[in-house]
């Protein structure tokens, strides 16, 4: 579970940079991205499990890990 959270935080850092979220990193950037993309409320996004977040960010996971190499 800690590895999953760490991976999502790194993806969030990548999203924050690519989306221009200057002050947001990690899971906060993930939450903002999902709010913007799906028009979900913040409480809905924050209630998602880490596994659900991973599923929603599957495309970003590939981009972010490619950039790390």
N, C-alpha and C. Protein backbone atom coordinates (compact mmCIF):
# COMPACT_ATOMS: atom_id res chain seq x y z
N UNK A 1 0.82 -1.19 0.00
CA UNK A 1 0.00 0.00 0.00
C UNK A 1 0.86 1.26 0.00
N UNK A 2 1.97 1.22 0.74
CA UNK A 2 2.87 2.38 0.76
C UNK A 2 3.50 2.59 -0.61
N UNK A 3 3.81 1.50 -1.30
CA UNK A 3 4.38 1.62 -2.65
C UNK A 3 3.38 2.24 -3.60
N UNK A 4 2.11 1.87 -3.48
CA UNK A 4 1.07 2.42 -4.33
C UNK A 4 0.90 3.91 -4.07
N UNK A 5 0.89 4.29 -2.82
CA UNK A 5 0.76 5.72 -2.49
C UNK A 5 1.96 6.50 -3.03
N UNK A 6 3.15 5.96 -2.88
CA UNK A 6 4.34 6.61 -3.38
C UNK A 6 4.27 6.77 -4.90
N UNK A 7 3.84 5.72 -5.59
CA UNK A 7 3.70 5.78 -7.04
C UNK A 7 2.69 6.85 -7.44
N UNK A 8 1.55 6.91 -6.75
CA UNK A 8 0.53 7.91 -7.06
C UNK A 8 1.02 9.33 -6.79
N UNK A 9 1.83 9.48 -5.76
CA UNK A 9 2.40 10.80 -5.48
C UNK A 9 3.33 11.24 -6.61
N UNK A 10 4.12 10.31 -7.13
CA UNK A 10 5.01 10.64 -8.25
C UNK A 10 4.21 10.96 -9.51
N UNK A 11 3.16 10.19 -9.74
CA UNK A 11 2.28 10.50 -10.87
C UNK A 11 1.66 11.88 -10.68
N UNK A 12 1.26 12.18 -9.45
CA UNK A 12 0.70 13.49 -9.15
C UNK A 12 1.69 14.61 -9.41
N UNK A 13 2.94 14.39 -9.09
CA UNK A 13 3.97 15.40 -9.40
C UNK A 13 4.05 15.64 -10.91
N UNK A 14 4.01 14.55 -11.66
CA UNK A 14 4.04 14.65 -13.13
C UNK A 14 2.80 15.39 -13.64
N UNK A 15 1.63 15.04 -13.12
CA UNK A 15 0.40 15.71 -13.52
C UNK A 15 0.47 17.19 -13.17
N UNK A 16 0.94 17.50 -11.98
CA UNK A 16 1.04 18.90 -11.56
C UNK A 16 1.87 19.73 -12.53
N UNK A 17 2.98 19.17 -12.97
CA UNK A 17 3.84 19.88 -13.93
C UNK A 17 3.16 20.00 -15.29
N UNK A 18 2.60 18.91 -15.77
CA UNK A 18 2.02 18.92 -17.12
C UNK A 18 0.74 19.74 -17.21
N UNK A 19 0.02 19.85 -16.11
CA UNK A 19 -1.24 20.60 -16.11
C UNK A 19 -1.07 22.04 -15.66
N UNK A 20 0.14 22.39 -15.23
CA UNK A 20 0.40 23.76 -14.80
C UNK A 20 -0.13 24.07 -13.40
N UNK A 21 -0.26 23.06 -12.58
CA UNK A 21 -0.68 23.25 -11.19
C UNK A 21 0.56 23.63 -10.37
N UNK A 22 0.90 24.88 -10.41
CA UNK A 22 2.16 25.36 -9.84
C UNK A 22 2.30 25.01 -8.36
N UNK A 23 1.25 25.16 -7.61
CA UNK A 23 1.35 24.96 -6.16
C UNK A 23 0.92 23.57 -5.70
N UNK A 24 0.55 22.70 -6.62
CA UNK A 24 0.06 21.38 -6.23
C UNK A 24 1.02 20.28 -6.64
N UNK A 25 1.23 19.35 -5.72
CA UNK A 25 2.09 18.20 -5.97
C UNK A 25 1.40 16.96 -5.41
N UNK A 26 1.91 15.82 -5.78
CA UNK A 26 1.44 14.57 -5.20
C UNK A 26 -0.05 14.35 -5.36
N UNK A 27 -0.65 13.83 -4.31
CA UNK A 27 -2.07 13.50 -4.37
C UNK A 27 -2.95 14.73 -4.55
N UNK A 28 -2.53 15.89 -4.08
CA UNK A 28 -3.32 17.10 -4.30
C UNK A 28 -3.45 17.41 -5.79
N UNK A 29 -2.39 17.20 -6.55
CA UNK A 29 -2.44 17.40 -8.00
C UNK A 29 -3.34 16.35 -8.65
N UNK A 30 -3.28 15.12 -8.16
CA UNK A 30 -4.16 14.07 -8.67
C UNK A 30 -5.61 14.45 -8.44
N UNK A 31 -5.92 14.88 -7.23
CA UNK A 31 -7.30 15.26 -6.91
C UNK A 31 -7.77 16.40 -7.80
N UNK A 32 -6.95 17.42 -7.96
CA UNK A 32 -7.33 18.57 -8.79
C UNK A 32 -7.57 18.16 -10.24
N UNK A 33 -6.70 17.29 -10.75
CA UNK A 33 -6.84 16.80 -12.12
C UNK A 33 -8.19 16.09 -12.31
N UNK A 34 -8.55 15.22 -11.37
CA UNK A 34 -9.81 14.49 -11.48
C UNK A 34 -11.01 15.42 -11.32
N UNK A 35 -10.89 16.41 -10.46
CA UNK A 35 -11.96 17.41 -10.30
C UNK A 35 -12.15 18.16 -11.62
N UNK A 36 -11.06 18.59 -12.23
CA UNK A 36 -11.14 19.32 -13.49
C UNK A 36 -11.65 18.44 -14.63
N UNK A 37 -11.16 17.23 -14.71
CA UNK A 37 -11.49 16.35 -15.83
C UNK A 37 -12.93 15.84 -15.78
N UNK A 38 -13.39 15.45 -14.60
CA UNK A 38 -14.69 14.81 -14.48
C UNK A 38 -15.75 15.67 -13.80
N UNK A 39 -15.39 16.87 -13.40
CA UNK A 39 -16.32 17.77 -12.69
C UNK A 39 -16.86 17.14 -11.41
N UNK A 40 -16.00 16.35 -10.78
CA UNK A 40 -16.37 15.76 -9.50
C UNK A 40 -16.11 16.76 -8.39
N UNK A 41 -16.85 16.61 -7.30
CA UNK A 41 -16.63 17.45 -6.12
C UNK A 41 -15.39 16.95 -5.37
N UNK A 42 -14.73 17.86 -4.65
CA UNK A 42 -13.53 17.46 -3.90
C UNK A 42 -13.77 16.30 -2.94
N UNK A 43 -14.92 16.29 -2.26
CA UNK A 43 -15.17 15.20 -1.31
C UNK A 43 -15.33 13.86 -2.03
N UNK A 44 -15.86 13.87 -3.25
CA UNK A 44 -15.98 12.63 -4.02
C UNK A 44 -14.60 12.08 -4.38
N UNK A 45 -13.72 12.97 -4.79
CA UNK A 45 -12.38 12.56 -5.21
C UNK A 45 -11.57 12.08 -4.01
N UNK A 46 -11.66 12.78 -2.92
CA UNK A 46 -10.87 12.40 -1.73
C UNK A 46 -11.35 11.08 -1.12
N UNK A 47 -12.57 10.66 -1.43
CA UNK A 47 -13.09 9.40 -0.91
C UNK A 47 -12.73 8.19 -1.77
N UNK A 48 -12.06 8.41 -2.90
CA UNK A 48 -11.63 7.30 -3.74
C UNK A 48 -10.49 6.54 -3.08
N UNK A 49 -10.48 5.24 -3.23
CA UNK A 49 -9.37 4.44 -2.69
C UNK A 49 -8.13 4.63 -3.57
N UNK A 50 -6.99 4.25 -3.04
CA UNK A 50 -5.75 4.33 -3.81
C UNK A 50 -5.83 3.44 -5.05
N UNK A 51 -6.48 2.30 -4.92
CA UNK A 51 -6.64 1.39 -6.06
C UNK A 51 -7.51 2.03 -7.14
N UNK A 52 -8.57 2.75 -6.73
CA UNK A 52 -9.41 3.45 -7.69
C UNK A 52 -8.63 4.55 -8.39
N UNK A 53 -7.83 5.28 -7.63
CA UNK A 53 -7.01 6.34 -8.24
C UNK A 53 -6.05 5.76 -9.27
N UNK A 54 -5.45 4.61 -8.95
CA UNK A 54 -4.52 3.97 -9.88
C UNK A 54 -5.25 3.61 -11.17
N UNK A 55 -6.44 3.08 -11.05
CA UNK A 55 -7.23 2.72 -12.23
C UNK A 55 -7.55 3.95 -13.07
N UNK A 56 -7.95 5.02 -12.44
CA UNK A 56 -8.30 6.26 -13.16
C UNK A 56 -7.09 6.90 -13.83
N UNK A 57 -5.92 6.66 -13.30
CA UNK A 57 -4.70 7.31 -13.81
C UNK A 57 -3.82 6.36 -14.62
N UNK A 58 -4.37 5.28 -15.12
CA UNK A 58 -3.58 4.27 -15.82
C UNK A 58 -2.75 4.87 -16.96
N UNK A 59 -3.30 5.76 -17.74
CA UNK A 59 -2.55 6.39 -18.83
C UNK A 59 -1.42 7.26 -18.34
N UNK A 60 -1.67 7.99 -17.27
CA UNK A 60 -0.63 8.84 -16.71
C UNK A 60 0.48 8.02 -16.07
N UNK A 61 0.14 6.86 -15.56
CA UNK A 61 1.17 6.00 -14.95
C UNK A 61 2.24 5.66 -15.97
N UNK A 62 1.82 5.32 -17.19
CA UNK A 62 2.78 4.98 -18.23
C UNK A 62 3.64 6.18 -18.61
N UNK A 63 3.02 7.35 -18.75
CA UNK A 63 3.77 8.56 -19.11
C UNK A 63 4.77 8.94 -18.02
N UNK A 64 4.32 8.89 -16.79
CA UNK A 64 5.18 9.30 -15.69
C UNK A 64 6.36 8.36 -15.52
N UNK A 65 6.12 7.05 -15.61
CA UNK A 65 7.22 6.11 -15.43
C UNK A 65 8.19 6.16 -16.60
N UNK A 66 7.70 6.47 -17.80
CA UNK A 66 8.59 6.62 -18.95
C UNK A 66 9.51 7.82 -18.75
N UNK A 67 8.98 8.90 -18.19
CA UNK A 67 9.78 10.10 -17.94
C UNK A 67 10.85 9.87 -16.88
N UNK A 68 10.65 8.92 -15.97
CA UNK A 68 11.61 8.67 -14.90
C UNK A 68 12.83 7.93 -15.40
N UNK A 69 12.67 7.20 -16.49
CA UNK A 69 13.76 6.34 -16.98
C UNK A 69 14.82 7.17 -17.67
